[in-house]
Amino acid sequence: MTWKDKMKEYGGGNFTFLSVDGEVLIFIVVGEPQLLIGHFKGKENQRIGCPVVTDEGYLLFICGKRLARKISKLEKHFDKSAIMAIRKGAEGDVNAKYDVKVIPEKETFERLQAIKKTDFKHAMIAESVADSAEVLNN
């Protein structure tokens, strides 16, 4: 069995973060935001899981509430444009800034829509939320 065949069998990664300075994620939104509860250094914290499709396929993009609010301000563009989020801040910097903007090129949106049609099923959201709980609580 080839690597490609095995990865189809195993599935892709279910979630992602932006964790280093300059990291970029280009995506389309494919579902409602998911409130995620985790524990870090003994304290409960809340994150938002954003169901998105990228060039790699479906992912639950896990971010803080500040970034999720910025993404929500672009909701009127979700059905016609791709979105780009860029992290500005060192790894581990809780005060990192994020630039979020609409990508005007229709080709990007159409390419991601094509990936959505072949790689995304709505049930994947619940699966990725469950998978993220294990990571958020370690």
C-alpha atoms as a PDB file:
ATOM      1  CA  MET A   1       0.000   0.000   0.000  1.00  0.00           C
ATOM      2  CA  THR A   2       1.371   3.444  -0.899  1.00  0.00           C
ATOM      3  CA  TRP A   3       1.753   6.389   1.491  1.00  0.00           C
ATOM      4  CA  LYS A   4      -1.079   8.159  -0.307  1.00  0.00           C
ATOM      5  CA  ASP A   5      -3.385   5.145   0.081  1.00  0.00           C
ATOM      6  CA  LYS A   6      -2.476   4.751   3.750  1.00  0.00           C
ATOM      7  CA  MET A   7      -3.168   8.424   4.462  1.00  0.00           C
ATOM      8  CA  LYS A   8      -6.578   8.116   2.810  1.00  0.00           C
ATOM      9  CA  GLU A   9      -7.244   5.180   5.116  1.00  0.00           C
ATOM     10  CA  TYR A  10      -5.907   6.896   8.252  1.00  0.00           C
ATOM     11  CA  GLY A  11      -7.493  10.283   7.540  1.00  0.00           C
ATOM     12  CA  GLY A  12      -5.966  13.702   7.973  1.00  0.00           C
ATOM     13  CA  GLY A  13      -5.157  15.713  11.053  1.00  0.00           C
ATOM     14  CA  ASN A  14      -8.345  16.912  12.668  1.00  0.00           C
ATOM     15  CA  PHE A  15      -7.255  20.237  14.138  1.00  0.00           C
ATOM     16  CA  THR A  16      -4.659  22.985  13.963  1.00  0.00           C
ATOM     17  CA  PHE A  17      -3.399  26.062  15.818  1.00  0.00           C
ATOM     18  CA  LEU A  18      -1.474  29.169  14.773  1.00  0.00           C
ATOM     19  CA  SER A  19       1.453  29.027  17.188  1.00  0.00           C
ATOM     20  CA  VAL A  20       4.489  30.818  15.703  1.00  0.00           C
ATOM     21  CA  ASP A  21       5.139  34.331  14.448  1.00  0.00           C
ATOM     22  CA  GLY A  22       4.193  34.844  10.825  1.00  0.00           C
ATOM     23  CA  GLU A  23       2.239  31.603  10.542  1.00  0.00           C
ATOM     24  CA  VAL A  24      -0.617  31.904   8.034  1.00  0.00           C
ATOM     25  CA  LEU A  25      -3.817  29.931   7.547  1.00  0.00           C
ATOM     26  CA  ILE A  26      -6.002  30.406   4.464  1.00  0.00           C
ATOM     27  CA  PHE A  27      -9.440  28.834   4.806  1.00  0.00           C
ATOM     28  CA  ILE A  28     -13.158  28.825   4.194  1.00  0.00           C
ATOM     29  CA  VAL A  29     -15.556  28.427   7.107  1.00  0.00           C
ATOM     30  CA  VAL A  30     -17.725  25.289   6.908  1.00  0.00           C
ATOM     31  CA  GLY A  31     -19.619  25.239  10.209  1.00  0.00           C
ATOM     32  CA  GLU A  32     -20.627  27.002  13.400  1.00  0.00           C
ATOM     33  CA  PRO A  33     -18.010  27.911  16.039  1.00  0.00           C
ATOM     34  CA  GLN A  34     -17.525  25.296  18.761  1.00  0.00           C
ATOM     35  CA  LEU A  35     -16.818  26.265  22.386  1.00  0.00           C
ATOM     36  CA  LEU A  36     -13.955  24.094  23.659  1.00  0.00           C
ATOM     37  CA  ILE A  37     -13.103  23.780  27.349  1.00  0.00           C
ATOM     38  CA  GLY A  38      -9.573  22.800  28.310  1.00  0.00           C
ATOM     39  CA  HIS A  39      -7.214  22.896  31.258  1.00  0.00           C
ATOM     40  CA  PHE A  40      -3.787  24.501  31.270  1.00  0.00           C
ATOM     41  CA  LYS A  41      -1.579  24.675  34.367  1.00  0.00           C
ATOM     42  CA  GLY A  42      -4.527  23.611  36.508  1.00  0.00           C
ATOM     43  CA  LYS A  43      -6.876  26.331  35.276  1.00  0.00           C
ATOM     44  CA  GLU A  44      -9.880  25.964  33.028  1.00  0.00           C
ATOM     45  CA  ASN A  45      -9.689  27.904  29.780  1.00  0.00           C
ATOM     46  CA  GLN A  46     -11.962  28.345  26.819  1.00  0.00           C
ATOM     47  CA  ARG A  47     -11.022  28.174  23.170  1.00  0.00           C
ATOM     48  CA  ILE A  48     -13.071  28.350  20.014  1.00  0.00           C
ATOM     49  CA  GLY A  49     -12.998  25.610  17.402  1.00  0.00           C
ATOM     50  CA  CYS A  50     -13.601  27.014  13.928  1.00  0.00           C
ATOM     51  CA  PRO A  51     -14.576  24.334  11.381  1.00  0.00           C
ATOM     52  CA  VAL A  52     -12.625  25.233   8.226  1.00  0.00           C
ATOM     53  CA  VAL A  53     -11.353  23.773   4.966  1.00  0.00           C
ATOM     54  CA  THR A  54      -7.796  24.560   3.860  1.00  0.00           C
ATOM     55  CA  ASP A  55      -5.674  23.255   1.005  1.00  0.00           C
ATOM     56  CA  GLU A  56      -5.015  20.212   3.232  1.00  0.00           C
ATOM     57  CA  GLY A  57      -8.735  19.515   3.703  1.00  0.00           C
ATOM     58  CA  TYR A  58     -10.979  19.844   6.748  1.00  0.00           C
ATOM     59  CA  LEU A  59      -9.537  21.085  10.057  1.00  0.00           C
ATOM     60  CA  LEU A  60     -10.897  22.372  13.339  1.00  0.00           C
ATOM     61  CA  PHE A  61      -8.952  25.630  13.668  1.00  0.00           C
ATOM     62  CA  ILE A  62      -8.521  26.144  17.421  1.00  0.00           C
ATOM     63  CA  CYS A  63      -8.066  29.742  18.490  1.00  0.00           C
ATOM     64  CA  GLY A  64      -8.769  32.137  21.315  1.00  0.00           C
ATOM     65  CA  LYS A  65     -11.879  34.221  21.626  1.00  0.00           C
ATOM     66  CA  ARG A  66     -10.130  37.398  20.400  1.00  0.00           C
ATOM     67  CA  LEU A  67      -9.241  35.810  17.074  1.00  0.00           C
ATOM     68  CA  ALA A  68     -12.649  34.125  16.787  1.00  0.00           C
ATOM     69  CA  ARG A  69     -14.345  37.521  17.224  1.00  0.00           C
ATOM     70  CA  LYS A  70     -12.180  38.952  14.434  1.00  0.00           C
ATOM     71  CA  ILE A  71     -13.165  36.059  12.183  1.00  0.00           C
ATOM     72  CA  SER A  72     -16.843  36.556  13.087  1.00  0.00           C
ATOM     73  CA  LYS A  73     -16.706  40.141  11.810  1.00  0.00           C
ATOM     74  CA  LEU A  74     -16.132  38.694   8.328  1.00  0.00           C
ATOM     75  CA  GLU A  75     -19.165  36.379   8.463  1.00  0.00           C
ATOM     76  CA  LYS A  76     -20.903  38.124   5.558  1.00  0.00           C
ATOM     77  CA  HIS A  77     -17.993  36.946   3.354  1.00  0.00           C
ATOM     78  CA  PHE A  78     -18.055  33.263   4.428  1.00  0.00           C
ATOM     79  CA  ASP A  79     -20.190  32.143   1.479  1.00  0.00           C
ATOM     80  CA  LYS A  80     -18.191  33.946  -1.212  1.00  0.00           C
ATOM     81  CA  SER A  81     -14.578  34.452  -0.082  1.00  0.00           C
ATOM     82  CA  ALA A  82     -11.673  32.718   1.591  1.00  0.00           C
ATOM     83  CA  ILE A  83     -10.244  34.161   4.805  1.00  0.00           C
ATOM     84  CA  MET A  84      -6.599  34.561   5.835  1.00  0.00           C
ATOM     85  CA  ALA A  85      -5.385  34.674   9.455  1.00  0.00           C
ATOM     86  CA  ILE A  86      -1.788  35.661  10.264  1.00  0.00           C
ATOM     87  CA  ARG A  87      -0.195  35.385  13.703  1.00  0.00           C
ATOM     88  CA  LYS A  88       2.082  38.211  14.898  1.00  0.00           C
ATOM     89  CA  GLY A  89       3.913  37.241  18.057  1.00  0.00           C
ATOM     90  CA  ALA A  90       6.455  34.809  19.430  1.00  0.00           C
ATOM     91  CA  GLU A  91       5.546  31.231  20.269  1.00  0.00           C
ATOM     92  CA  GLY A  92       3.896  31.117  23.693  1.00  0.00           C
ATOM     93  CA  ASP A  93       3.091  34.855  23.652  1.00  0.00           C
ATOM     94  CA  VAL A  94      -0.429  35.106  25.087  1.00  0.00           C
ATOM     95  CA  ASN A  95      -0.662  38.677  23.800  1.00  0.00           C
ATOM     96  CA  ALA A  96       0.040  37.776  20.174  1.00  0.00           C
ATOM     97  CA  LYS A  97      -1.826  39.831  17.580  1.00  0.00           C
ATOM     98  CA  TYR A  98      -3.654  38.431  14.580  1.00  0.00           C
ATOM     99  CA  ASP A  99      -4.384  39.975  11.210  1.00  0.00           C
ATOM    100  CA  VAL A 100      -7.531  38.584   9.634  1.00  0.00           C
ATOM    101  CA  LYS A 101      -8.661  39.542   6.169  1.00  0.00           C
ATOM    102  CA  VAL A 102     -10.764  38.501   3.224  1.00  0.00           C
ATOM    103  CA  ILE A 103      -8.891  37.114   0.217  1.00  0.00           C
ATOM    104  CA  PRO A 104     -10.416  38.827  -2.831  1.00  0.00           C
ATOM    105  CA  GLU A 105      -9.345  36.246  -5.457  1.00  0.00           C
ATOM    106  CA  LYS A 106     -12.295  34.047  -6.392  1.00  0.00           C
ATOM    107  CA  GLU A 107      -9.901  31.282  -7.531  1.00  0.00           C
ATOM    108  CA  THR A 108      -8.821  30.668  -3.928  1.00  0.00           C
ATOM    109  CA  PHE A 109     -12.430  30.391  -2.753  1.00  0.00           C
ATOM    110  CA  GLU A 110     -13.373  28.112  -5.655  1.00  0.00           C
ATOM    111  CA  ARG A 111     -10.345  25.847  -5.055  1.00  0.00           C
ATOM    112  CA  LEU A 112     -11.262  25.477  -1.367  1.00  0.00           C
ATOM    113  CA  GLN A 113     -14.929  24.871  -2.238  1.00  0.00           C
ATOM    114  CA  ALA A 114     -13.836  22.031  -4.536  1.00  0.00           C
ATOM    115  CA  ILE A 115     -11.824  20.506  -1.667  1.00  0.00           C
ATOM    116  CA  LYS A 116     -14.841  20.896   0.623  1.00  0.00           C
ATOM    117  CA  LYS A 117     -17.051  19.004  -1.830  1.00  0.00           C
ATOM    118  CA  THR A 118     -14.705  16.017  -1.957  1.00  0.00           C
ATOM    119  CA  ASP A 119     -13.120  15.966   1.526  1.00  0.00           C
ATOM    120  CA  PHE A 120     -15.660  17.362   4.013  1.00  0.00           C
ATOM    121  CA  LYS A 121     -18.590  15.702   5.727  1.00  0.00           C
ATOM    122  CA  HIS A 122     -20.488  17.557   8.460  1.00  0.00           C
ATOM    123  CA  ALA A 123     -19.978  14.645  10.905  1.00  0.00           C
ATOM    124  CA  MET A 124     -16.245  15.425  10.848  1.00  0.00           C
ATOM    125  CA  ILE A 125     -16.870  18.452  13.074  1.00  0.00           C
ATOM    126  CA  ALA A 126     -18.026  16.366  16.060  1.00  0.00           C
ATOM    127  CA  GLU A 127     -15.108  13.968  15.578  1.00  0.00           C
ATOM    128  CA  SER A 128     -12.548  16.791  15.527  1.00  0.00           C
ATOM    129  CA  VAL A 129     -14.117  18.440  18.605  1.00  0.00           C
ATOM    130  CA  ALA A 130     -13.779  15.131  20.481  1.00  0.00           C
ATOM    131  CA  ASP A 131     -10.169  14.711  19.308  1.00  0.00           C
ATOM    132  CA  SER A 132      -9.293  18.260  20.372  1.00  0.00           C
ATOM    133  CA  ALA A 133     -10.545  17.638  23.924  1.00  0.00           C
ATOM    134  CA  GLU A 134      -7.717  15.167  24.493  1.00  0.00           C
ATOM    135  CA  VAL A 135      -5.101  17.734  23.438  1.00  0.00           C
ATOM    136  CA  LEU A 136      -6.679  20.659  25.298  1.00  0.00           C
ATOM    137  CA  ASN A 137      -6.694  18.704  28.545  1.00  0.00           C
ATOM    138  CA  ASN A 138      -3.056  17.536  28.511  1.00  0.00           C
END
